[in-house]
Amino acid sequence: MYIIIKTIITALLIVGISEAGKRFTTFGAILASLPLTSLLAFIWLYADTKDTQKISSLSWKILMMSIPSLVFFVTLPLMLKVAKFYPSLFISSVITAAAYFLWMFLLKRIGFTQ
């Protein structure tokens, strides 16, 4: 039952942001840019484990993984200028996935283990 409640709350949040984005683009963008997913993950993790060290570690790793995610927000608008929505979304996602792999390789190479 707990997993179902977590799923419903998380889904409602995503749908709410999507609906806000349809009506108020800037407000929707602000909501989407907030770390709401991370906040929910921290809440669920704390509720499940009460381990603040795990939350600290997750927070640090989220910060590190935010950097390659920016590639998506650069490539998508550029791709939309030259291609339709779904191909743009796909290509941007592939490029972003490559950026994640490259970033993880670089982090490992410099000894990032946190």
Protein backbone atom coordinates (compact mmCIF):
# COMPACT_ATOMS: atom_id res chain seq x y z
CA MET A 1 0.00 0.00 0.00
CA TYR A 2 2.89 2.34 0.82
CA ILE A 3 4.36 1.93 -2.68
CA ILE A 4 0.97 2.67 -4.23
CA ILE A 5 0.64 5.88 -2.18
CA LYS A 6 4.16 6.96 -3.17
CA THR A 7 3.37 6.25 -6.82
CA ILE A 8 0.10 8.20 -6.75
CA ILE A 9 1.66 11.24 -5.07
CA THR A 10 4.57 11.24 -7.52
CA ALA A 11 2.28 10.81 -10.54
CA LEU A 12 -0.02 13.61 -9.38
CA LEU A 13 2.98 15.91 -9.07
CA ILE A 14 4.12 15.19 -12.63
CA VAL A 15 0.61 15.58 -14.06
CA GLY A 16 0.18 18.84 -12.12
CA ILE A 17 3.40 20.25 -13.56
CA SER A 18 2.38 19.17 -17.07
CA GLU A 19 -1.02 20.85 -16.70
CA ALA A 20 0.54 24.03 -15.31
CA GLY A 21 2.94 24.05 -18.26
CA LYS A 22 0.02 23.95 -20.72
CA ARG A 23 -1.63 26.98 -19.17
CA PHE A 24 1.31 29.00 -17.88
CA THR A 25 4.55 28.14 -19.66
CA THR A 26 6.86 30.12 -17.38
CA PHE A 27 5.21 28.85 -14.20
CA GLY A 28 5.31 25.30 -15.57
CA ALA A 29 9.01 25.72 -16.34
CA ILE A 30 9.69 27.01 -12.83
CA LEU A 31 7.84 24.05 -11.31
CA ALA A 32 9.61 21.59 -13.59
CA SER A 33 13.00 23.08 -12.78
CA LEU A 34 12.48 22.74 -9.03
CA PRO A 35 14.05 19.65 -7.57
CA LEU A 36 10.62 18.24 -6.70
CA THR A 37 11.51 14.73 -7.83
CA SER A 38 14.64 14.89 -5.70
CA LEU A 39 12.66 16.22 -2.74
CA LEU A 40 10.23 13.34 -3.04
CA ALA A 41 13.12 10.88 -3.33
CA PHE A 42 14.68 12.32 -0.17
CA ILE A 43 11.37 12.11 1.69
CA TRP A 44 10.72 8.52 0.57
CA LEU A 45 14.32 7.49 1.32
CA TYR A 46 14.21 9.04 4.78
CA ALA A 47 10.80 7.51 5.52
CA ASP A 48 12.15 4.10 4.47
CA THR A 49 15.62 4.20 6.08
CA LYS A 50 15.96 7.20 8.45
CA ASP A 51 19.55 7.30 7.11
CA THR A 52 20.63 10.91 6.57
CA GLN A 53 24.02 9.76 5.21
CA LYS A 54 22.23 8.03 2.31
CA ILE A 55 20.28 11.22 1.65
CA SER A 56 23.49 13.28 1.72
CA SER A 57 25.16 10.88 -0.70
CA LEU A 58 22.15 10.87 -3.01
CA SER A 59 22.01 14.67 -2.95
CA TRP A 60 25.67 14.96 -3.91
CA LYS A 61 25.28 12.42 -6.73
CA ILE A 62 22.19 14.23 -8.03
CA LEU A 63 24.22 17.43 -8.16
CA MET A 64 26.97 15.69 -10.11
CA MET A 65 24.48 14.13 -12.54
CA SER A 66 22.68 17.45 -13.13
CA ILE A 67 25.57 18.70 -15.21
CA PRO A 68 25.18 16.30 -18.16
CA SER A 69 21.39 16.67 -18.02
CA LEU A 70 21.84 20.26 -19.24
CA VAL A 71 22.87 18.82 -22.61
CA PHE A 72 19.24 17.82 -23.17
CA PHE A 73 17.95 21.35 -22.60
CA VAL A 74 20.44 22.70 -25.12
CA THR A 75 20.00 20.07 -27.83
CA LEU A 76 16.20 19.81 -27.79
CA PRO A 77 15.44 23.43 -28.79
CA LEU A 78 18.21 23.28 -31.39
CA MET A 79 16.85 20.04 -32.85
CA LEU A 80 13.29 21.39 -32.91
CA LYS A 81 14.49 24.06 -35.34
CA VAL A 82 15.46 21.38 -37.88
CA ALA A 83 13.28 18.35 -37.13
CA LYS A 84 9.83 17.36 -35.89
CA PHE A 85 9.07 16.80 -32.21
CA TYR A 86 9.54 13.05 -31.79
CA PRO A 87 12.76 12.78 -33.81
CA SER A 88 14.10 15.83 -31.93
CA LEU A 89 13.18 14.26 -28.61
CA PHE A 90 14.81 10.98 -29.57
CA ILE A 91 18.03 12.54 -30.89
CA SER A 92 18.30 14.86 -27.89
CA SER A 93 17.81 11.89 -25.56
CA VAL A 94 20.51 9.86 -27.33
CA ILE A 95 22.94 12.79 -27.20
CA THR A 96 22.14 13.29 -23.51
CA ALA A 97 22.67 9.59 -22.78
CA ALA A 98 26.07 9.86 -24.46
CA ALA A 99 26.83 12.93 -22.33
CA TYR A 100 25.94 10.94 -19.19
CA PHE A 101 28.27 8.09 -20.14
CA LEU A 102 31.07 10.52 -20.96
CA TRP A 103 30.49 12.43 -17.71
CA MET A 104 30.47 9.23 -15.63
CA PHE A 105 33.69 8.14 -17.35
CA LEU A 106 35.30 11.50 -16.57
CA LEU A 107 34.15 11.43 -12.93
CA LYS A 108 35.53 7.93 -12.50
CA ARG A 109 38.77 8.97 -14.19
CA ILE A 110 39.30 11.84 -11.74
CA GLY A 111 38.45 9.63 -8.77
CA PHE A 112 34.96 10.85 -7.89
CA THR A 113 33.51 8.18 -5.63
CA GLN A 114 31.22 10.12 -3.26
